[in-house]
N, C-alpha and C. Protein backbone atom coordinates (compact mmCIF):
# COMPACT_ATOMS: atom_id res chain seq x y z
N UNK A 1 -30.25 -19.27 -57.23
CA UNK A 1 -31.51 -18.66 -57.46
C UNK A 1 -32.02 -17.87 -56.14
N UNK A 2 -32.34 -16.87 -56.63
CA UNK A 2 -33.30 -15.74 -55.69
C UNK A 2 -34.65 -16.22 -55.27
N UNK A 3 -34.80 -15.78 -54.17
CA UNK A 3 -36.45 -16.11 -53.39
C UNK A 3 -37.22 -15.70 -54.38
N UNK A 4 -38.37 -17.09 -54.47
CA UNK A 4 -39.58 -16.66 -55.59
C UNK A 4 -40.37 -15.56 -55.39
N UNK A 5 -40.79 -14.78 -56.28
CA UNK A 5 -41.76 -13.61 -56.42
C UNK A 5 -42.96 -13.86 -56.76
N UNK A 6 -43.87 -12.96 -56.58
CA UNK A 6 -45.32 -13.15 -57.13
C UNK A 6 -45.15 -12.34 -58.37
N UNK A 7 -46.34 -12.82 -59.67
CA UNK A 7 -46.34 -11.80 -60.63
C UNK A 7 -46.37 -10.39 -60.36
N UNK A 8 -47.31 -10.15 -58.88
CA UNK A 8 -47.41 -9.15 -58.74
C UNK A 8 -46.38 -8.05 -58.46
N UNK A 9 -45.27 -9.01 -57.70
CA UNK A 9 -44.08 -8.04 -57.53
C UNK A 9 -43.36 -7.79 -58.63
N UNK A 10 -43.25 -8.62 -59.89
CA UNK A 10 -42.63 -8.38 -61.16
C UNK A 10 -43.35 -7.25 -61.65
N UNK A 11 -44.81 -6.85 -61.75
CA UNK A 11 -45.31 -5.76 -62.18
C UNK A 11 -44.91 -4.62 -61.48
N UNK A 12 -44.14 -4.40 -60.28
CA UNK A 12 -43.79 -3.44 -59.84
C UNK A 12 -42.67 -2.81 -60.66
N UNK A 13 -41.67 -3.59 -61.21
CA UNK A 13 -40.71 -3.34 -61.94
C UNK A 13 -41.20 -2.84 -63.35
N UNK A 14 -40.67 -1.71 -63.66
CA UNK A 14 -40.94 -0.98 -64.90
C UNK A 14 -40.02 -0.72 -65.52
N UNK A 15 -39.94 -1.70 -66.75
CA UNK A 15 -38.63 -1.61 -67.49
C UNK A 15 -38.97 -0.96 -68.91
N UNK A 16 -38.11 -0.14 -69.53
CA UNK A 16 -38.47 0.18 -70.69
C UNK A 16 -37.16 0.37 -71.68
N UNK A 17 -37.61 0.79 -72.87
CA UNK A 17 -36.54 0.89 -73.98
C UNK A 17 -36.13 2.44 -74.20
N UNK A 18 -34.98 2.59 -74.18
CA UNK A 18 -34.74 4.04 -74.61
C UNK A 18 -33.71 4.14 -75.56
N UNK A 19 -33.27 5.04 -75.94
CA UNK A 19 -31.92 5.40 -76.98
C UNK A 19 -31.12 6.24 -76.27
N UNK A 20 -29.69 5.75 -76.33
CA UNK A 20 -28.65 6.85 -75.77
C UNK A 20 -28.43 7.44 -76.76
N UNK A 21 -28.36 9.27 -76.20
CA UNK A 21 -28.42 10.27 -76.90
C UNK A 21 -27.13 10.99 -76.58
N UNK A 22 -26.25 10.45 -75.38
CA UNK A 22 -25.38 11.17 -74.76
C UNK A 22 -24.68 10.22 -74.24
N UNK A 23 -23.19 10.16 -74.19
CA UNK A 23 -22.05 9.41 -73.73
C UNK A 23 -20.93 10.07 -73.11
N UNK A 24 -20.63 10.12 -71.90
CA UNK A 24 -19.55 10.79 -71.32
C UNK A 24 -18.71 10.01 -70.37
N UNK A 25 -17.48 10.14 -70.35
CA UNK A 25 -16.61 9.54 -69.53
C UNK A 25 -16.91 9.67 -68.22
N UNK A 26 -16.99 9.15 -66.99
CA UNK A 26 -17.56 9.27 -65.89
C UNK A 26 -16.30 9.42 -64.87
N UNK A 27 -15.75 10.57 -64.89
CA UNK A 27 -14.01 10.32 -64.32
C UNK A 27 -14.21 10.26 -62.94
N UNK A 28 -15.19 10.92 -61.91
CA UNK A 28 -15.23 10.59 -60.55
C UNK A 28 -15.62 9.27 -60.15
N UNK A 29 -16.25 8.39 -61.03
CA UNK A 29 -16.52 7.07 -60.76
C UNK A 29 -15.55 5.92 -60.19
N UNK A 30 -15.84 5.45 -59.18
CA UNK A 30 -14.37 4.58 -58.73
C UNK A 30 -13.93 3.40 -59.76
N UNK A 31 -14.97 3.14 -60.24
CA UNK A 31 -14.69 1.95 -61.03
C UNK A 31 -15.03 2.50 -62.52
N UNK A 32 -14.10 2.48 -63.64
CA UNK A 32 -14.57 2.87 -65.12
C UNK A 32 -16.02 2.69 -65.50
N UNK A 33 -16.48 4.09 -65.86
CA UNK A 33 -17.79 3.96 -66.22
C UNK A 33 -18.05 5.02 -66.94
N UNK A 34 -19.44 5.14 -67.73
CA UNK A 34 -19.91 5.97 -68.58
C UNK A 34 -20.93 6.74 -67.70
N UNK A 35 -21.14 8.11 -68.15
CA UNK A 35 -22.41 8.70 -67.87
C UNK A 35 -23.46 9.02 -69.14
N UNK A 36 -24.48 8.13 -69.14
CA UNK A 36 -25.43 8.05 -70.16
C UNK A 36 -26.69 9.00 -70.07
N UNK A 37 -26.83 9.52 -71.32
CA UNK A 37 -28.14 10.20 -71.41
C UNK A 37 -29.00 9.40 -72.29
N UNK A 38 -30.26 9.29 -71.64
CA UNK A 38 -31.04 8.10 -72.46
C UNK A 38 -32.71 8.76 -72.77
N UNK A 39 -33.06 8.75 -74.11
CA UNK A 39 -34.18 9.19 -74.60
C UNK A 39 -35.26 8.38 -74.32
N UNK A 40 -36.09 8.60 -73.27
CA UNK A 40 -37.30 7.33 -72.92
C UNK A 40 -38.65 7.62 -73.96
N UNK A 41 -38.62 8.43 -74.71
CA UNK A 41 -39.64 9.15 -75.48
C UNK A 41 -40.57 10.14 -74.44
N UNK A 42 -42.08 9.53 -74.14
CA UNK A 42 -42.89 10.26 -73.52
C UNK A 42 -42.36 10.31 -72.09
N UNK A 43 -41.56 9.45 -71.75
CA UNK A 43 -41.00 9.74 -70.26
C UNK A 43 -39.85 10.52 -70.31
N UNK A 44 -39.50 11.32 -71.16
CA UNK A 44 -38.60 12.02 -71.01
C UNK A 44 -36.99 11.34 -71.30
N UNK A 45 -36.11 12.34 -71.09
CA UNK A 45 -34.68 12.24 -70.84
C UNK A 45 -34.03 11.79 -69.49
N UNK A 46 -33.67 10.73 -69.44
CA UNK A 46 -32.98 10.15 -68.11
C UNK A 46 -31.83 10.10 -68.36
N UNK A 47 -31.04 10.38 -67.18
CA UNK A 47 -29.55 10.10 -66.89
C UNK A 47 -29.23 8.18 -66.13
N UNK A 48 -28.22 7.73 -66.69
CA UNK A 48 -27.73 6.84 -65.80
C UNK A 48 -26.24 6.66 -65.78
N UNK A 49 -25.77 6.09 -64.85
CA UNK A 49 -24.03 5.69 -64.62
C UNK A 49 -23.92 4.09 -65.24
N UNK A 50 -23.06 3.77 -66.01
CA UNK A 50 -23.05 2.37 -66.45
C UNK A 50 -21.73 1.79 -66.66
N UNK A 51 -21.26 0.78 -65.79
CA UNK A 51 -19.67 0.16 -65.70
C UNK A 51 -19.55 -0.70 -67.03
N UNK A 52 -19.73 -0.22 -67.97
CA UNK A 52 -19.70 -0.87 -69.56
C UNK A 52 -18.50 -0.71 -70.54
N UNK A 53 -17.36 -0.12 -70.01
CA UNK A 53 -16.35 0.36 -70.77
C UNK A 53 -15.41 -0.61 -71.34
N UNK A 54 -15.48 -1.81 -70.65
CA UNK A 54 -14.89 -2.77 -71.17
C UNK A 54 -15.40 -3.40 -72.78
N UNK A 55 -16.33 -3.43 -72.94
CA UNK A 55 -16.95 -4.02 -73.64
C UNK A 55 -17.51 -2.91 -75.04
N UNK A 56 -17.86 -1.52 -74.47
CA UNK A 56 -18.54 -0.62 -75.31
C UNK A 56 -17.61 0.56 -75.66
N UNK A 57 -17.46 1.36 -76.47
CA UNK A 57 -16.83 2.43 -76.99
C UNK A 57 -17.97 3.52 -76.63
N UNK A 58 -17.69 4.84 -76.57
CA UNK A 58 -18.68 5.90 -76.49
C UNK A 58 -19.23 5.91 -77.89
N UNK A 59 -18.66 5.98 -78.89
CA UNK A 59 -19.27 5.86 -80.33
C UNK A 59 -20.13 4.71 -80.57
N UNK A 60 -19.95 3.58 -80.19
CA UNK A 60 -20.65 2.42 -80.39
C UNK A 60 -22.01 2.53 -79.51
N UNK A 61 -21.92 3.28 -78.40
CA UNK A 61 -22.99 3.16 -77.57
C UNK A 61 -24.07 4.70 -78.05
N UNK A 62 -23.75 5.15 -78.61
CA UNK A 62 -24.59 6.32 -79.26
C UNK A 62 -25.54 6.05 -80.06
N UNK A 63 -26.68 6.22 -80.00
CA UNK A 63 -27.94 6.03 -80.69
C UNK A 63 -28.21 4.45 -80.73
N UNK A 64 -27.53 3.63 -79.38
CA UNK A 64 -28.02 2.20 -79.25
C UNK A 64 -29.29 2.43 -78.22
N UNK A 65 -30.27 1.42 -78.55
CA UNK A 65 -31.04 1.17 -77.82
C UNK A 65 -30.97 0.16 -76.60
N UNK A 66 -31.61 0.63 -75.46
CA UNK A 66 -31.13 -0.28 -74.35
C UNK A 66 -32.40 -0.42 -73.37
N UNK A 67 -32.15 -1.55 -72.47
CA UNK A 67 -33.12 -1.51 -71.54
C UNK A 67 -32.89 -0.86 -70.31
N UNK A 68 -33.76 -0.37 -69.42
CA UNK A 68 -33.53 0.15 -68.14
C UNK A 68 -34.58 0.12 -67.42
N UNK A 69 -34.57 -0.05 -66.05
CA UNK A 69 -35.49 0.18 -65.20
C UNK A 69 -35.59 1.49 -64.66
N UNK A 70 -36.78 1.99 -64.99
CA UNK A 70 -37.32 3.51 -64.77
C UNK A 70 -37.89 3.96 -63.67
N UNK A 71 -37.85 3.08 -62.63
CA UNK A 71 -38.85 3.40 -61.42
C UNK A 71 -38.30 2.91 -60.12
N UNK A 72 -36.53 3.05 -60.32
CA UNK A 72 -36.01 3.28 -58.89
C UNK A 72 -35.98 4.78 -58.68
N UNK A 73 -35.53 4.80 -57.25
CA UNK A 73 -35.42 6.33 -56.81
C UNK A 73 -34.11 6.56 -57.41
N UNK A 74 -33.96 7.90 -57.71
CA UNK A 74 -32.27 8.51 -58.11
C UNK A 74 -31.56 7.98 -57.12
N UNK A 75 -30.10 7.87 -57.62
CA UNK A 75 -29.22 7.74 -56.71
C UNK A 75 -27.89 8.32 -56.96
N UNK A 76 -27.65 8.98 -56.07
CA UNK A 76 -26.33 9.67 -56.17
C UNK A 76 -24.89 8.76 -56.28
N UNK A 77 -24.34 9.13 -57.23
CA UNK A 77 -22.94 8.25 -57.70
C UNK A 77 -22.02 9.44 -57.71
N UNK A 78 -21.12 9.58 -56.80
CA UNK A 78 -20.01 10.34 -56.68
C UNK A 78 -20.78 12.08 -56.85
N UNK A 79 -20.13 12.60 -58.07
CA UNK A 79 -21.31 14.21 -58.39
C UNK A 79 -22.22 14.00 -59.26
N UNK A 80 -23.05 12.85 -59.54
CA UNK A 80 -23.72 12.16 -60.72
C UNK A 80 -24.95 11.78 -60.12
N UNK A 81 -26.27 12.10 -60.50
CA UNK A 81 -27.38 11.74 -60.04
C UNK A 81 -28.05 10.59 -61.28
N UNK A 82 -27.88 9.32 -60.77
CA UNK A 82 -28.33 8.23 -61.87
C UNK A 82 -30.02 7.97 -61.53
N UNK A 83 -30.38 8.19 -62.53
CA UNK A 83 -32.21 8.20 -62.87
C UNK A 83 -32.47 6.85 -63.11
N UNK A 84 -31.90 6.20 -63.70
CA UNK A 84 -32.48 4.44 -64.22
C UNK A 84 -31.44 3.78 -64.15
N UNK A 85 -31.44 2.48 -63.99
CA UNK A 85 -30.64 1.15 -64.12
C UNK A 85 -30.56 0.88 -65.58
N UNK A 86 -29.79 0.96 -66.29
CA UNK A 86 -29.43 0.26 -67.75
C UNK A 86 -29.11 -1.22 -66.98
N UNK A 87 -29.75 -2.45 -67.66
CA UNK A 87 -29.62 -3.46 -67.44
C UNK A 87 -28.85 -4.32 -68.54
N UNK A 88 -28.06 -5.38 -67.82
CA UNK A 88 -27.43 -6.30 -68.76
C UNK A 88 -27.13 -7.43 -67.87
N UNK A 89 -26.30 -8.40 -68.38
CA UNK A 89 -25.73 -9.46 -67.90
C UNK A 89 -24.23 -9.43 -67.84
N UNK A 90 -23.68 -10.19 -66.86
CA UNK A 90 -22.09 -10.35 -67.12
C UNK A 90 -21.58 -11.86 -67.98
N UNK A 91 -20.71 -11.45 -68.81
CA UNK A 91 -20.02 -12.25 -69.62
C UNK A 91 -19.48 -13.36 -68.65
N UNK A 92 -18.70 -14.44 -69.54
CA UNK A 92 -17.75 -15.41 -68.91
C UNK A 92 -16.52 -14.76 -68.55
N UNK A 93 -16.24 -13.21 -68.83
CA UNK A 93 -15.33 -12.70 -68.49
C UNK A 93 -15.61 -11.48 -67.31
N UNK A 94 -16.32 -11.80 -67.24
CA UNK A 94 -16.89 -10.74 -65.94
C UNK A 94 -17.38 -9.13 -66.55
N UNK A 95 -17.66 -8.97 -67.71
CA UNK A 95 -18.20 -7.74 -68.49
C UNK A 95 -19.59 -7.78 -68.19
N UNK A 96 -19.91 -6.52 -68.10
CA UNK A 96 -21.65 -6.37 -68.66
C UNK A 96 -21.87 -6.48 -70.05
N UNK A 97 -22.81 -7.31 -70.41
CA UNK A 97 -23.44 -7.40 -71.62
C UNK A 97 -24.79 -6.68 -71.60
N UNK A 98 -25.26 -5.51 -72.41
CA UNK A 98 -26.23 -4.97 -72.12
C UNK A 98 -27.57 -5.67 -72.83
N UNK A 99 -28.63 -5.55 -72.04
CA UNK A 99 -29.75 -6.18 -72.80
C UNK A 99 -30.44 -5.30 -73.75
N UNK A 100 -30.97 -5.75 -74.78
CA UNK A 100 -31.85 -4.68 -75.63
C UNK A 100 -33.01 -5.73 -76.43
N UNK A 101 -33.81 -4.88 -77.02
CA UNK A 101 -34.74 -5.39 -78.16
C UNK A 101 -34.01 -6.03 -79.19
N UNK A 102 -34.50 -6.74 -79.63
CA UNK A 102 -34.09 -7.79 -80.81
C UNK A 102 -34.21 -6.41 -82.21
N UNK A 103 -35.28 -5.93 -82.08
CA UNK A 103 -35.57 -5.21 -83.24
C UNK A 103 -35.99 -3.82 -82.46
N UNK A 104 -35.72 -2.80 -83.54
CA UNK A 104 -35.94 -1.40 -82.92
C UNK A 104 -37.56 -1.21 -82.52
N UNK A 105 -37.65 -0.33 -81.44
CA UNK A 105 -38.91 -0.09 -80.80
C UNK A 105 -39.22 1.42 -80.41
N UNK A 106 -40.10 1.93 -80.25
CA UNK A 106 -40.48 3.25 -80.14
C UNK A 106 -39.74 3.38 -78.71
N UNK A 107 -39.07 4.55 -78.27
CA UNK A 107 -38.64 4.81 -77.24
C UNK A 107 -39.71 4.84 -76.01
N UNK A 108 -39.25 4.61 -74.82
CA UNK A 108 -40.46 4.42 -73.86
C UNK A 108 -41.46 3.24 -73.61
N UNK A 109 -41.32 2.29 -74.85
CA UNK A 109 -42.10 1.14 -74.82
C UNK A 109 -41.75 0.18 -73.41
N UNK A 110 -42.70 -0.38 -72.94
CA UNK A 110 -42.50 -1.22 -71.59
C UNK A 110 -42.21 -2.61 -71.97
N UNK A 111 -41.41 -3.05 -71.09
CA UNK A 111 -40.67 -4.40 -71.57
C UNK A 111 -42.00 -5.37 -70.58
N UNK A 112 -42.58 -6.42 -71.10
CA UNK A 112 -43.67 -7.09 -70.51
C UNK A 112 -43.52 -8.34 -70.52
């Protein structure tokens, strides 16, 4: 378990729901990954790199809603600027399973 944090610490993390509108292979990534373009409604369109190729095809990801942390500083990954962190958990096989809302919600809605 990680170090205990306060509720105020949690409030600093901005997790939002967005819809993947474009998926491309990330050929310059060290490990197999996709470049995702995600629509966060009023927050706009953001990009992310995600190592999720083992469980998800590009076609399956298109128009899928995902959860992402939107208030990290952008991070340069090879020749790509990742603006948000799509969140998931590792399954028993070590593959990332994406976290998402159980029902469709408006893009940009905040996870609370």
